[in-house]
Amino acid sequence: MLKKIFKGKKDLKILNEEVDLNSIREIAEQYYMNGDFYCSEAVLKVVKDAFKAPYGDDIIKLASGFPVGLGGSGCTCGAVNGGVMAISMFFGRELPGDKKVKKSMDLTKELYDEFAKKYKVACCKVLTRGMTLGSSTHKNHCVTITGDLAVLTSRILARELGYKIIEEN
C-alpha cells in the first residue's frame, strides 16, 4: 500500500516498511550516551532516519536549542520536544491555514499523554530533580528518557504511516 505523505513540488510515496523499535531505542540512546547528540537531537535524528524523512541531517540543528529543558532552563524535556519535531516532520503544516496542523497537534497530545503515563510530567527540572547536571545518574536517566521518546514517537508514526512495527524484546 502506498501513502502520500508530503505534498508540494514532489509527492513522496512511502511503501509499507518495518521499523525495529529495539534498534530505534538503541541508536537514540547511543547518540546521547556517546555525546554525539543531546536528547532532542537524538530523537529527531533516529526517527528521521528510521522513517526516511526527505530531509538532510541539517534539520537536526533545529533541535539543538531544546536540550536540558529549552537551552538549560529546565522547562519542557528536550526529548519530548524532539518527538514533537519528528511528528511535525510528517504531519506539520507548511502553508497558512493548512488543516493538517490538527493531525500534528492530535498526535503530539497523544505523545505527551503516553509519556506522562510513565513519567507524570514533561518538565526537565522535575524529571531530573535531585540530580547534578552531567552526573552519571543524570546522564543515565536522560539516556533512558531519550530512548523511550524515540520509541513512543516511532510507534505513533509507524501506525499513522502504515509501517509494520517490530516490537521491543
C-alpha atoms as a PDB file:
ATOM      1  CA  MET A   1       0.000   0.000   0.000  1.00  0.00           C
ATOM      2  CA  LEU A   2       1.353   3.434  -0.916  1.00  0.00           C
ATOM      3  CA  LYS A   3       0.681   6.542   1.095  1.00  0.00           C
ATOM      4  CA  LYS A   4       1.300  10.119   0.081  1.00  0.00           C
ATOM      5  CA  ILE A   5       2.850  11.930   2.976  1.00  0.00           C
ATOM      6  CA  PHE A   6       4.462  15.105   1.735  1.00  0.00           C
ATOM      7  CA  LYS A   7       2.781  17.431  -0.717  1.00  0.00           C
ATOM      8  CA  GLY A   8       4.496  20.082  -2.733  1.00  0.00           C
ATOM      9  CA  LYS A   9       6.587  20.027  -5.860  1.00  0.00           C
ATOM     10  CA  LYS A  10       7.080  16.309  -5.398  1.00  0.00           C
ATOM     11  CA  ASP A  11       4.926  13.837  -3.525  1.00  0.00           C
ATOM     12  CA  LEU A  12       6.888  11.324  -1.523  1.00  0.00           C
ATOM     13  CA  LYS A  13       5.422   7.860  -1.642  1.00  0.00           C
ATOM     14  CA  ILE A  14       6.343   5.646   1.242  1.00  0.00           C
ATOM     15  CA  LEU A  15       5.891   1.922   0.959  1.00  0.00           C
ATOM     16  CA  ASN A  16       4.769  -0.043   3.965  1.00  0.00           C
ATOM     17  CA  GLU A  17       8.001  -0.910   5.679  1.00  0.00           C
ATOM     18  CA  GLU A  18       9.147  -2.101   9.060  1.00  0.00           C
ATOM     19  CA  VAL A  19      10.548  -0.201  11.994  1.00  0.00           C
ATOM     20  CA  ASP A  20      12.519  -2.057  14.634  1.00  0.00           C
ATOM     21  CA  LEU A  21      11.837  -0.435  17.992  1.00  0.00           C
ATOM     22  CA  ASN A  22      14.848  -2.145  19.598  1.00  0.00           C
ATOM     23  CA  SER A  23      17.163  -0.564  17.040  1.00  0.00           C
ATOM     24  CA  ILE A  24      15.478   2.812  17.340  1.00  0.00           C
ATOM     25  CA  ARG A  25      15.890   2.770  21.130  1.00  0.00           C
ATOM     26  CA  GLU A  26      19.474   1.558  20.938  1.00  0.00           C
ATOM     27  CA  ILE A  27      20.562   4.142  18.375  1.00  0.00           C
ATOM     28  CA  ALA A  28      18.849   7.054  20.161  1.00  0.00           C
ATOM     29  CA  GLU A  29      20.370   6.037  23.481  1.00  0.00           C
ATOM     30  CA  GLN A  30      23.829   5.614  21.959  1.00  0.00           C
ATOM     31  CA  TYR A  31      23.675   9.041  20.323  1.00  0.00           C
ATOM     32  CA  TYR A  32      23.014  10.565  23.737  1.00  0.00           C
ATOM     33  CA  MET A  33      25.324   8.309  25.771  1.00  0.00           C
ATOM     34  CA  ASN A  34      28.251   8.864  23.410  1.00  0.00           C
ATOM     35  CA  GLY A  35      27.761  12.630  23.404  1.00  0.00           C
ATOM     36  CA  ASP A  36      27.032  12.673  19.671  1.00  0.00           C
ATOM     37  CA  PHE A  37      23.660  14.375  20.169  1.00  0.00           C
ATOM     38  CA  TYR A  38      21.608  15.694  23.055  1.00  0.00           C
ATOM     39  CA  CYS A  39      18.148  14.271  23.746  1.00  0.00           C
ATOM     40  CA  SER A  40      16.069  16.324  21.303  1.00  0.00           C
ATOM     41  CA  GLU A  41      18.628  15.924  18.531  1.00  0.00           C
ATOM     42  CA  ALA A  42      18.936  12.162  19.093  1.00  0.00           C
ATOM     43  CA  VAL A  43      15.169  11.599  18.933  1.00  0.00           C
ATOM     44  CA  LEU A  44      14.764  13.709  15.801  1.00  0.00           C
ATOM     45  CA  LYS A  45      17.756  12.114  14.051  1.00  0.00           C
ATOM     46  CA  VAL A  46      16.846   8.487  14.719  1.00  0.00           C
ATOM     47  CA  VAL A  47      13.190   8.986  13.763  1.00  0.00           C
ATOM     48  CA  LYS A  48      14.129  10.932  10.631  1.00  0.00           C
ATOM     49  CA  ASP A  49      16.408   8.123   9.555  1.00  0.00           C
ATOM     50  CA  ALA A  50      14.088   5.259  10.537  1.00  0.00           C
ATOM     51  CA  PHE A  51      11.177   6.700   8.560  1.00  0.00           C
ATOM     52  CA  LYS A  52      13.307   8.009   5.698  1.00  0.00           C
ATOM     53  CA  ALA A  53      12.047  11.575   6.011  1.00  0.00           C
ATOM     54  CA  PRO A  54      13.060  13.626   2.962  1.00  0.00           C
ATOM     55  CA  TYR A  55      15.319  15.985   4.864  1.00  0.00           C
ATOM     56  CA  GLY A  56      19.072  16.154   5.175  1.00  0.00           C
ATOM     57  CA  ASP A  57      20.843  15.981   8.506  1.00  0.00           C
ATOM     58  CA  ASP A  58      20.879  19.784   8.580  1.00  0.00           C
ATOM     59  CA  ILE A  59      17.359  19.574  10.037  1.00  0.00           C
ATOM     60  CA  ILE A  60      18.908  18.244  13.252  1.00  0.00           C
ATOM     61  CA  LYS A  61      20.250  21.703  14.064  1.00  0.00           C
ATOM     62  CA  LEU A  62      16.648  22.852  14.542  1.00  0.00           C
ATOM     63  CA  ALA A  63      16.577  20.637  17.640  1.00  0.00           C
ATOM     64  CA  SER A  64      19.828  21.948  19.125  1.00  0.00           C
ATOM     65  CA  GLY A  65      18.259  24.577  21.392  1.00  0.00           C
ATOM     66  CA  PHE A  66      15.854  22.219  23.166  1.00  0.00           C
ATOM     67  CA  PRO A  67      18.154  20.114  25.417  1.00  0.00           C
ATOM     68  CA  VAL A  68      18.095  20.474  29.191  1.00  0.00           C
ATOM     69  CA  GLY A  69      14.578  21.841  29.064  1.00  0.00           C
ATOM     70  CA  LEU A  70      14.921  24.575  26.443  1.00  0.00           C
ATOM     71  CA  GLY A  71      18.554  25.580  26.389  1.00  0.00           C
ATOM     72  CA  GLY A  72      19.220  24.738  30.010  1.00  0.00           C
ATOM     73  CA  SER A  73      16.194  26.497  31.500  1.00  0.00           C
ATOM     74  CA  GLY A  74      14.758  23.240  32.840  1.00  0.00           C
ATOM     75  CA  CYS A  75      11.398  23.638  31.135  1.00  0.00           C
ATOM     76  CA  THR A  76       9.934  21.111  28.686  1.00  0.00           C
ATOM     77  CA  CYS A  77      12.005  17.943  28.335  1.00  0.00           C
ATOM     78  CA  GLY A  78      14.178  18.143  25.223  1.00  0.00           C
ATOM     79  CA  ALA A  79      13.424  14.540  24.259  1.00  0.00           C
ATOM     80  CA  VAL A  80       9.701  15.367  24.256  1.00  0.00           C
ATOM     81  CA  ASN A  81      10.434  18.354  22.019  1.00  0.00           C
ATOM     82  CA  GLY A  82      12.438  16.100  19.697  1.00  0.00           C
ATOM     83  CA  GLY A  83       9.450  13.770  19.441  1.00  0.00           C
ATOM     84  CA  VAL A  84       7.131  16.666  18.664  1.00  0.00           C
ATOM     85  CA  MET A  85       9.501  17.869  15.940  1.00  0.00           C
ATOM     86  CA  ALA A  86       9.657  14.365  14.477  1.00  0.00           C
ATOM     87  CA  ILE A  87       5.861  14.093  14.354  1.00  0.00           C
ATOM     88  CA  SER A  88       5.667  17.537  12.774  1.00  0.00           C
ATOM     89  CA  MET A  89       8.137  16.497  10.037  1.00  0.00           C
ATOM     90  CA  PHE A  90       5.364  14.293   8.722  1.00  0.00           C
ATOM     91  CA  PHE A  91       2.163  15.980   9.856  1.00  0.00           C
ATOM     92  CA  GLY A  92       3.012  19.659  10.381  1.00  0.00           C
ATOM     93  CA  ARG A  93       1.696  22.340   8.112  1.00  0.00           C
ATOM     94  CA  GLU A  94       3.665  24.274   5.539  1.00  0.00           C
ATOM     95  CA  LEU A  95       1.045  26.711   4.318  1.00  0.00           C
ATOM     96  CA  PRO A  96      -1.114  29.240   6.179  1.00  0.00           C
ATOM     97  CA  GLY A  97      -4.473  27.818   7.147  1.00  0.00           C
ATOM     98  CA  ASP A  98      -3.487  24.228   6.355  1.00  0.00           C
ATOM     99  CA  LYS A  99      -5.831  21.979   8.334  1.00  0.00           C
ATOM    100  CA  LYS A 100      -3.047  19.373   8.533  1.00  0.00           C
ATOM    101  CA  VAL A 101      -1.926  21.079  11.739  1.00  0.00           C
ATOM    102  CA  LYS A 102      -4.845  19.423  13.578  1.00  0.00           C
ATOM    103  CA  LYS A 103      -3.360  15.981  12.952  1.00  0.00           C
ATOM    104  CA  SER A 104       0.047  17.153  14.176  1.00  0.00           C
ATOM    105  CA  MET A 105      -1.481  18.559  17.340  1.00  0.00           C
ATOM    106  CA  ASP A 106      -3.558  15.435  17.998  1.00  0.00           C
ATOM    107  CA  LEU A 107      -0.520  13.172  17.596  1.00  0.00           C
ATOM    108  CA  THR A 108       1.571  15.492  19.776  1.00  0.00           C
ATOM    109  CA  LYS A 109      -1.076  15.285  22.506  1.00  0.00           C
ATOM    110  CA  GLU A 110      -1.024  11.501  22.203  1.00  0.00           C
ATOM    111  CA  LEU A 111       2.769  11.511  22.532  1.00  0.00           C
ATOM    112  CA  TYR A 112       2.605  13.704  25.626  1.00  0.00           C
ATOM    113  CA  ASP A 113      -0.153  11.599  27.208  1.00  0.00           C
ATOM    114  CA  GLU A 114       1.816   8.377  26.677  1.00  0.00           C
ATOM    115  CA  PHE A 115       4.961   9.972  28.100  1.00  0.00           C
ATOM    116  CA  ALA A 116       3.038  11.333  31.104  1.00  0.00           C
ATOM    117  CA  LYS A 117       1.660   7.870  31.915  1.00  0.00           C
ATOM    118  CA  LYS A 118       5.180   6.775  32.808  1.00  0.00           C
ATOM    119  CA  TYR A 119       6.897   9.982  33.893  1.00  0.00           C
ATOM    120  CA  LYS A 120       3.918  12.056  35.153  1.00  0.00           C
ATOM    121  CA  VAL A 121       5.382  15.355  33.883  1.00  0.00           C
ATOM    122  CA  ALA A 122       7.349  16.697  30.916  1.00  0.00           C
ATOM    123  CA  CYS A 123       9.256  19.326  32.893  1.00  0.00           C
ATOM    124  CA  CYS A 124      13.013  18.711  32.749  1.00  0.00           C
ATOM    125  CA  LYS A 125      13.545  20.281  36.192  1.00  0.00           C
ATOM    126  CA  VAL A 126      11.059  17.892  37.760  1.00  0.00           C
ATOM    127  CA  LEU A 127      12.220  14.856  35.769  1.00  0.00           C
ATOM    128  CA  THR A 128      15.812  15.423  36.918  1.00  0.00           C
ATOM    129  CA  ARG A 129      15.137  16.768  40.433  1.00  0.00           C
ATOM    130  CA  GLY A 130      17.972  15.955  42.816  1.00  0.00           C
ATOM    131  CA  MET A 131      20.383  15.057  40.005  1.00  0.00           C
ATOM    132  CA  THR A 132      23.521  17.004  39.210  1.00  0.00           C
ATOM    133  CA  LEU A 133      23.606  18.044  35.567  1.00  0.00           C
ATOM    134  CA  GLY A 134      26.141  15.898  33.743  1.00  0.00           C
ATOM    135  CA  SER A 135      26.448  13.311  36.520  1.00  0.00           C
ATOM    136  CA  SER A 136      26.221   9.634  35.614  1.00  0.00           C
ATOM    137  CA  THR A 137      22.823   9.442  37.350  1.00  0.00           C
ATOM    138  CA  HIS A 138      21.532  12.363  35.306  1.00  0.00           C
ATOM    139  CA  LYS A 139      23.011  11.068  32.068  1.00  0.00           C
ATOM    140  CA  ASN A 140      21.678   7.521  32.522  1.00  0.00           C
ATOM    141  CA  HIS A 141      18.220   8.846  33.381  1.00  0.00           C
ATOM    142  CA  CYS A 142      18.142  11.077  30.309  1.00  0.00           C
ATOM    143  CA  VAL A 143      19.509   8.291  28.101  1.00  0.00           C
ATOM    144  CA  THR A 144      16.508   6.170  29.126  1.00  0.00           C
ATOM    145  CA  ILE A 145      14.068   9.023  28.536  1.00  0.00           C
ATOM    146  CA  THR A 146      15.625   9.665  25.115  1.00  0.00           C
ATOM    147  CA  GLY A 147      15.167   6.008  24.168  1.00  0.00           C
ATOM    148  CA  ASP A 148      11.602   5.996  25.487  1.00  0.00           C
ATOM    149  CA  LEU A 149      10.693   9.089  23.467  1.00  0.00           C
ATOM    150  CA  ALA A 150      12.253   7.708  20.299  1.00  0.00           C
ATOM    151  CA  VAL A 151      10.180   4.533  20.709  1.00  0.00           C
ATOM    152  CA  LEU A 152       6.937   6.342  21.613  1.00  0.00           C
ATOM    153  CA  THR A 153       7.317   8.688  18.657  1.00  0.00           C
ATOM    154  CA  SER A 154       8.162   5.836  16.302  1.00  0.00           C
ATOM    155  CA  ARG A 155       5.204   3.767  17.471  1.00  0.00           C
ATOM    156  CA  ILE A 156       2.816   6.641  16.689  1.00  0.00           C
ATOM    157  CA  LEU A 157       4.410   7.373  13.316  1.00  0.00           C
ATOM    158  CA  ALA A 158       4.511   3.692  12.347  1.00  0.00           C
ATOM    159  CA  ARG A 159       0.789   3.403  12.981  1.00  0.00           C
ATOM    160  CA  GLU A 160      -0.014   6.584  11.078  1.00  0.00           C
ATOM    161  CA  LEU A 161       2.319   5.877   8.145  1.00  0.00           C
ATOM    162  CA  GLY A 162       1.450   2.208   7.794  1.00  0.00           C
ATOM    163  CA  TYR A 163       4.794   0.795   8.895  1.00  0.00           C
ATOM    164  CA  LYS A 164       4.965  -2.650  10.474  1.00  0.00           C
ATOM    165  CA  ILE A 165       6.356  -2.477  13.993  1.00  0.00           C
ATOM    166  CA  ILE A 166       8.965  -4.937  15.159  1.00  0.00           C
ATOM    167  CA  GLU A 167       8.353  -4.877  18.898  1.00  0.00           C
ATOM    168  CA  GLU A 168      10.944  -4.474  21.586  1.00  0.00           C
ATOM    169  CA  ASN A 169      12.205  -7.596  23.372  1.00  0.00           C
END
